[in-house]
Amino acid sequence: MSASRSGARYTLLFSAIVCVVCAVLVSSAAVVLRDRQDSNSELDRRRNVLRAAGVLGEDETVSAEEVERRFASFTAVAVDLRTGEEDPSFDVSGYDARRAVASPDLSRAVEPNPAQVTRVAHHAVVYKQLDADGRLSLLVLPIEGKGLWSTMYGFLALGADLNTVRGLTFYQHGETPGLGGEVDSARWKALWPGREVFDDEGDVAIQVIRGSAGPPEQDPHRVDGLSGATLTSRGVSAMLRFWLGPQGFGPYLDQLRKEVRGEQGA
């Protein structure tokens, strides 16, 4: 065998080995990075659940360990939005409803609505906090809907009566800073606790109005509008009507109320 052929084979073999090694390293790095991203995403989700629930202050910075400690009082529960019932067989770990919406097998189309929600995942993950007697004390629901420029994603926390707002937070949106972007400002979010989402007939009544609303005890169903952001304000009202209504968590809330009344009567 000539020296040139031997050298060429060596070069090809060496190149192949280098390619394989690089592919393995890149693949391993991608797996590690994806795991880290998933972990950070879950931590961020829990942080926002705590903020909506009022367990973590808007400007409070805590460690990942402290987030986990406070979140330990909550239980993530899967809700089948087709039936309005909890699904204990559904694995909530790693579940992403936003990815599920992209799959026709994991989601369904919904009727046209002002929130501009076009599809809803079959399952949603809610967060329940129970008191020392095992009774519901707080429920956190994921919500989303269109604003002026973007889809806004957030959480709504309701008290044990499943009517009184404990908190509202938005963790992702593309609204105009200083205008619609104020949906995630501490000042505006402080207006929500104590409001009531349903009226005496059980209809969704909460709305963001133009101008100023009164305090919760005098004006329980209305919240101050966002100055210069009428469409974003309407978007918040629309998404709450959708997710608290029949195409969202309405049937689940009805079922949960029956359970709560049963516990109170026991």
Protein backbone atom coordinates (compact mmCIF):
# COMPACT_ATOMS: atom_id res chain seq x y z
CA MET A 1 0.00 0.00 0.00
CA SER A 2 1.42 3.37 -0.92
CA ALA A 3 2.18 5.94 1.70
CA SER A 4 -0.30 8.37 0.10
CA ARG A 5 -3.19 5.87 0.35
CA SER A 6 -2.30 5.04 3.93
CA GLY A 7 -2.18 8.72 4.79
CA ALA A 8 -5.54 9.36 3.14
CA ARG A 9 -7.21 6.50 5.04
CA TYR A 10 -5.73 7.76 8.29
CA THR A 11 -7.03 11.24 7.58
CA LEU A 12 -10.53 9.93 6.82
CA LEU A 13 -10.54 7.71 9.91
CA PHE A 14 -9.32 10.54 12.11
CA SER A 15 -11.93 12.91 10.67
CA ALA A 16 -14.69 10.35 11.26
CA ILE A 17 -13.61 9.86 14.87
CA VAL A 18 -13.52 13.62 15.44
CA CYS A 19 -17.02 13.97 13.95
CA VAL A 20 -18.40 11.22 16.17
CA VAL A 21 -16.79 12.68 19.29
CA CYS A 22 -18.07 16.17 18.46
CA ALA A 23 -21.57 14.83 17.79
CA VAL A 24 -21.60 13.06 21.15
CA LEU A 25 -20.38 16.18 22.95
CA VAL A 26 -22.93 18.43 21.22
CA SER A 27 -25.74 15.95 21.92
CA SER A 28 -24.75 15.67 25.57
CA ALA A 29 -24.51 19.43 25.93
CA ALA A 30 -27.97 19.84 24.35
CA VAL A 31 -29.48 17.34 26.81
CA VAL A 32 -27.86 19.07 29.78
CA LEU A 33 -28.94 22.49 28.50
CA ARG A 34 -32.51 21.33 27.87
CA ASP A 35 -32.74 19.84 31.36
CA ARG A 36 -31.46 23.09 32.83
CA GLN A 37 -33.92 25.13 30.76
CA ASP A 38 -36.79 22.89 31.85
CA SER A 39 -35.71 23.22 35.47
CA ASN A 40 -35.48 27.01 35.20
CA SER A 41 -38.86 27.15 33.47
CA GLU A 42 -40.49 25.13 36.25
CA LEU A 43 -38.86 27.32 38.90
CA ASP A 44 -40.13 30.44 37.15
CA ARG A 45 -43.63 28.96 36.93
CA ARG A 46 -43.66 28.20 40.64
CA ARG A 47 -42.37 31.66 41.44
CA ASN A 48 -45.27 33.22 39.52
CA VAL A 49 -47.82 30.91 41.14
CA LEU A 50 -46.55 32.11 44.51
CA ARG A 51 -46.79 35.74 43.40
CA ALA A 52 -50.37 35.32 42.23
CA ALA A 53 -51.22 33.63 45.53
CA GLY A 54 -49.65 36.45 47.53
CA VAL A 55 -47.12 34.09 49.09
CA LEU A 56 -44.23 35.85 47.35
CA GLY A 57 -44.05 39.64 47.19
CA GLU A 58 -43.80 41.41 43.84
CA ASP A 59 -40.40 42.85 44.63
CA GLU A 60 -39.27 39.99 46.84
CA THR A 61 -36.20 38.09 45.69
CA VAL A 62 -35.68 34.65 47.19
CA SER A 63 -33.49 31.65 46.46
CA ALA A 64 -34.62 28.60 44.51
CA GLU A 65 -34.63 26.68 47.78
CA GLU A 66 -36.98 29.23 49.37
CA VAL A 67 -39.30 29.06 46.36
CA GLU A 68 -39.46 25.29 46.76
CA ARG A 69 -40.11 25.60 50.50
CA ARG A 70 -43.04 27.97 50.00
CA PHE A 71 -44.39 26.03 47.05
CA ALA A 72 -44.51 22.86 49.14
CA SER A 73 -47.92 23.94 50.48
CA PHE A 74 -49.38 23.75 46.96
CA THR A 75 -50.41 20.69 44.98
CA ALA A 76 -50.37 20.66 41.18
CA VAL A 77 -53.55 19.02 39.89
CA ALA A 78 -54.52 18.07 36.34
CA VAL A 79 -57.98 19.13 35.21
CA ASP A 80 -59.64 17.60 32.17
CA LEU A 81 -61.24 20.64 30.57
CA ARG A 82 -63.51 18.42 28.48
CA THR A 83 -65.28 17.13 31.58
CA GLY A 84 -64.52 19.72 34.24
CA GLU A 85 -63.14 17.02 36.52
CA GLU A 86 -59.75 16.43 38.07
CA ASP A 87 -57.71 13.66 36.44
CA PRO A 88 -55.47 12.02 39.06
CA SER A 89 -54.08 9.60 36.46
CA PHE A 90 -52.57 12.43 34.42
CA ASP A 91 -48.84 13.06 34.99
CA VAL A 92 -48.38 16.80 35.52
CA SER A 93 -44.58 16.65 35.75
CA GLY A 94 -43.07 18.34 32.73
CA TYR A 95 -46.48 19.00 31.17
CA ASP A 96 -46.72 22.12 29.02
CA ALA A 97 -50.25 23.09 27.98
CA ARG A 98 -48.87 25.56 25.44
CA ARG A 99 -47.14 22.72 23.61
CA ALA A 100 -50.23 20.55 23.90
CA VAL A 101 -52.32 23.21 22.15
CA ALA A 102 -50.17 22.73 19.05
CA SER A 103 -51.24 19.07 18.84
CA PRO A 104 -54.71 18.24 17.45
CA ASP A 105 -54.62 15.05 19.53
CA LEU A 106 -54.03 16.92 22.78
CA SER A 107 -56.29 19.93 22.28
CA ARG A 108 -59.57 21.06 20.80
CA ALA A 109 -60.80 24.05 18.84
CA VAL A 110 -63.10 26.45 20.70
CA GLU A 111 -65.81 28.81 19.55
CA PRO A 112 -64.73 32.33 18.50
CA ASN A 113 -64.33 34.53 21.56
CA PRO A 114 -63.13 38.06 22.47
CA ALA A 115 -60.04 36.62 24.18
CA GLN A 116 -59.01 35.25 20.75
CA VAL A 117 -58.24 31.84 22.23
CA THR A 118 -58.51 29.44 19.28
CA ARG A 119 -57.58 26.10 20.86
CA VAL A 120 -57.59 24.73 24.40
CA ALA A 121 -55.53 21.81 25.65
CA HIS A 122 -57.52 18.84 26.90
CA HIS A 123 -55.72 19.13 30.23
CA ALA A 124 -54.70 22.11 32.34
CA VAL A 125 -52.64 22.19 35.51
CA VAL A 126 -54.07 24.14 38.46
CA TYR A 127 -52.55 24.66 41.89
CA LYS A 128 -54.47 23.98 45.09
CA GLN A 129 -53.54 24.99 48.61
CA LEU A 130 -55.31 23.21 51.46
CA ASP A 131 -55.66 24.28 55.07
CA ALA A 132 -54.71 22.20 58.12
CA ASP A 133 -58.03 20.34 57.88
CA GLY A 134 -57.46 19.42 54.25
CA ARG A 135 -59.99 21.90 52.93
CA LEU A 136 -59.38 24.17 49.95
CA SER A 137 -58.03 27.55 50.95
CA LEU A 138 -56.73 28.84 47.62
CA LEU A 139 -56.83 27.91 43.93
CA VAL A 140 -54.48 29.22 41.23
CA LEU A 141 -55.59 29.00 37.60
CA PRO A 142 -53.48 29.57 34.46
CA ILE A 143 -54.95 32.15 32.08
CA GLU A 144 -54.04 33.53 28.67
CA GLY A 145 -55.49 35.76 25.99
CA LYS A 146 -54.69 38.43 23.43
CA GLY A 147 -53.80 41.96 24.37
CA LEU A 148 -53.01 44.67 21.82
CA TRP A 149 -49.71 43.26 20.53
CA SER A 150 -49.31 39.87 22.09
CA THR A 151 -50.70 36.89 23.91
CA MET A 152 -50.57 37.53 27.64
CA TYR A 153 -49.89 34.62 29.99
CA GLY A 154 -50.59 34.73 33.69
CA PHE A 155 -52.15 33.22 36.80
CA LEU A 156 -55.33 34.09 38.69
CA ALA A 157 -55.62 33.13 42.37
CA LEU A 158 -59.04 32.66 43.98
CA GLY A 159 -59.87 32.24 47.65
CA ALA A 160 -61.70 29.36 49.29
CA ASP A 161 -65.07 30.69 48.08
CA LEU A 162 -63.81 30.35 44.48
CA ASN A 163 -65.00 33.90 43.87
CA THR A 164 -62.77 36.34 45.72
CA VAL A 165 -59.56 37.28 43.94
CA ARG A 166 -56.45 36.72 45.99
CA GLY A 167 -54.10 37.89 43.26
CA LEU A 168 -53.38 38.22 39.56
CA THR A 169 -50.05 38.16 37.78
CA PHE A 170 -48.80 38.16 34.20
CA TYR A 171 -45.41 36.62 33.55
CA GLN A 172 -45.15 36.89 29.76
CA HIS A 173 -46.49 39.45 27.30
CA GLY A 174 -45.37 41.88 24.61
CA GLU A 175 -47.53 44.87 25.48
CA THR A 176 -46.26 48.44 25.20
CA PRO A 177 -44.01 49.44 28.12
CA GLY A 178 -45.62 52.13 30.26
CA LEU A 179 -49.06 51.51 28.73
CA GLY A 180 -50.42 47.99 28.27
CA GLY A 181 -47.20 46.70 29.77
CA GLU A 182 -48.48 47.92 33.12
CA VAL A 183 -50.43 44.65 33.41
CA ASP A 184 -47.44 43.32 35.31
CA SER A 185 -46.82 46.42 37.42
CA ALA A 186 -47.07 46.04 41.18
CA ARG A 187 -49.34 49.10 41.42
CA TRP A 188 -51.99 47.73 39.06
CA LYS A 189 -51.87 44.19 40.37
CA ALA A 190 -52.42 45.53 43.89
CA LEU A 191 -55.91 46.63 42.79
CA TRP A 192 -57.11 43.05 42.32
CA PRO A 193 -57.15 41.32 45.75
CA GLY A 194 -60.64 41.41 47.23
CA ARG A 195 -62.47 41.74 43.90
CA GLU A 196 -65.12 39.16 43.02
CA VAL A 197 -65.16 37.39 39.66
CA PHE A 198 -68.80 36.20 39.75
CA ASP A 199 -72.03 38.05 40.49
CA ASP A 200 -74.88 36.74 42.66
CA GLU A 201 -76.30 34.78 39.71
CA GLY A 202 -73.00 33.00 39.14
CA ASP A 203 -72.15 34.83 35.93
CA VAL A 204 -68.65 36.12 35.25
CA ALA A 205 -68.82 39.79 36.21
CA ILE A 206 -65.22 40.91 36.70
CA GLN A 207 -64.06 43.52 34.21
CA VAL A 208 -61.39 46.13 33.65
CA ILE A 209 -63.12 49.44 32.98
CA ARG A 210 -62.11 52.75 31.43
CA GLY A 211 -61.19 55.11 34.21
CA SER A 212 -61.17 54.35 37.91
CA ALA A 213 -63.17 51.85 39.94
CA GLY A 214 -63.97 52.06 43.61
CA PRO A 215 -62.41 49.92 46.34
CA PRO A 216 -63.29 46.20 46.37
CA GLU A 217 -65.87 46.49 49.15
CA GLN A 218 -67.79 49.14 47.16
CA ASP A 219 -67.05 48.08 43.58
CA PRO A 220 -66.26 44.35 43.74
CA HIS A 221 -66.56 43.48 40.05
CA ARG A 222 -64.60 46.32 38.43
CA VAL A 223 -60.92 47.22 38.26
CA ASP A 224 -59.20 50.42 37.10
CA GLY A 225 -58.37 50.50 33.42
CA LEU A 226 -54.81 50.79 32.18
CA SER A 227 -54.19 54.38 31.13
CA GLY A 228 -53.71 54.66 27.37
CA ALA A 229 -54.19 50.91 26.89
CA THR A 230 -57.87 50.33 26.18
CA LEU A 231 -57.32 47.22 24.05
CA THR A 232 -55.02 45.61 26.60
CA SER A 233 -57.59 46.32 29.33
CA ARG A 234 -60.30 44.74 27.20
CA GLY A 235 -58.02 41.78 26.62
CA VAL A 236 -57.68 41.16 30.36
CA SER A 237 -61.46 41.29 30.79
CA ALA A 238 -61.98 38.97 27.83
CA MET A 239 -59.49 36.35 28.98
CA LEU A 240 -61.01 36.23 32.46
CA ARG A 241 -64.49 35.80 31.00
CA PHE A 242 -63.19 33.00 28.80
CA TRP A 243 -61.23 31.02 31.39
CA LEU A 244 -63.87 31.40 34.09
CA GLY A 245 -66.60 30.49 31.61
CA PRO A 246 -67.93 27.28 30.04
CA GLN A 247 -65.07 26.79 27.56
CA GLY A 248 -62.47 27.19 30.27
CA PHE A 249 -62.54 26.37 33.99
CA GLY A 250 -66.25 27.13 34.51
CA PRO A 251 -67.38 23.47 34.71
CA TYR A 252 -64.45 22.62 37.00
CA LEU A 253 -65.26 25.50 39.34
CA ASP A 254 -68.89 24.36 39.47
CA GLN A 255 -67.77 20.87 40.44
CA LEU A 256 -65.32 22.21 43.01
CA ARG A 257 -68.01 24.39 44.61
CA LYS A 258 -70.16 21.32 45.16
CA GLU A 259 -67.26 19.58 46.86
CA VAL A 260 -66.54 22.63 49.04
CA ARG A 261 -70.19 22.88 50.08
CA GLY A 262 -70.19 19.18 50.90
CA GLU A 263 -67.12 19.62 53.11
CA GLN A 264 -68.66 22.62 54.86
CA GLY A 265 -71.86 20.69 55.50
CA ALA A 266 -70.01 17.66 56.84
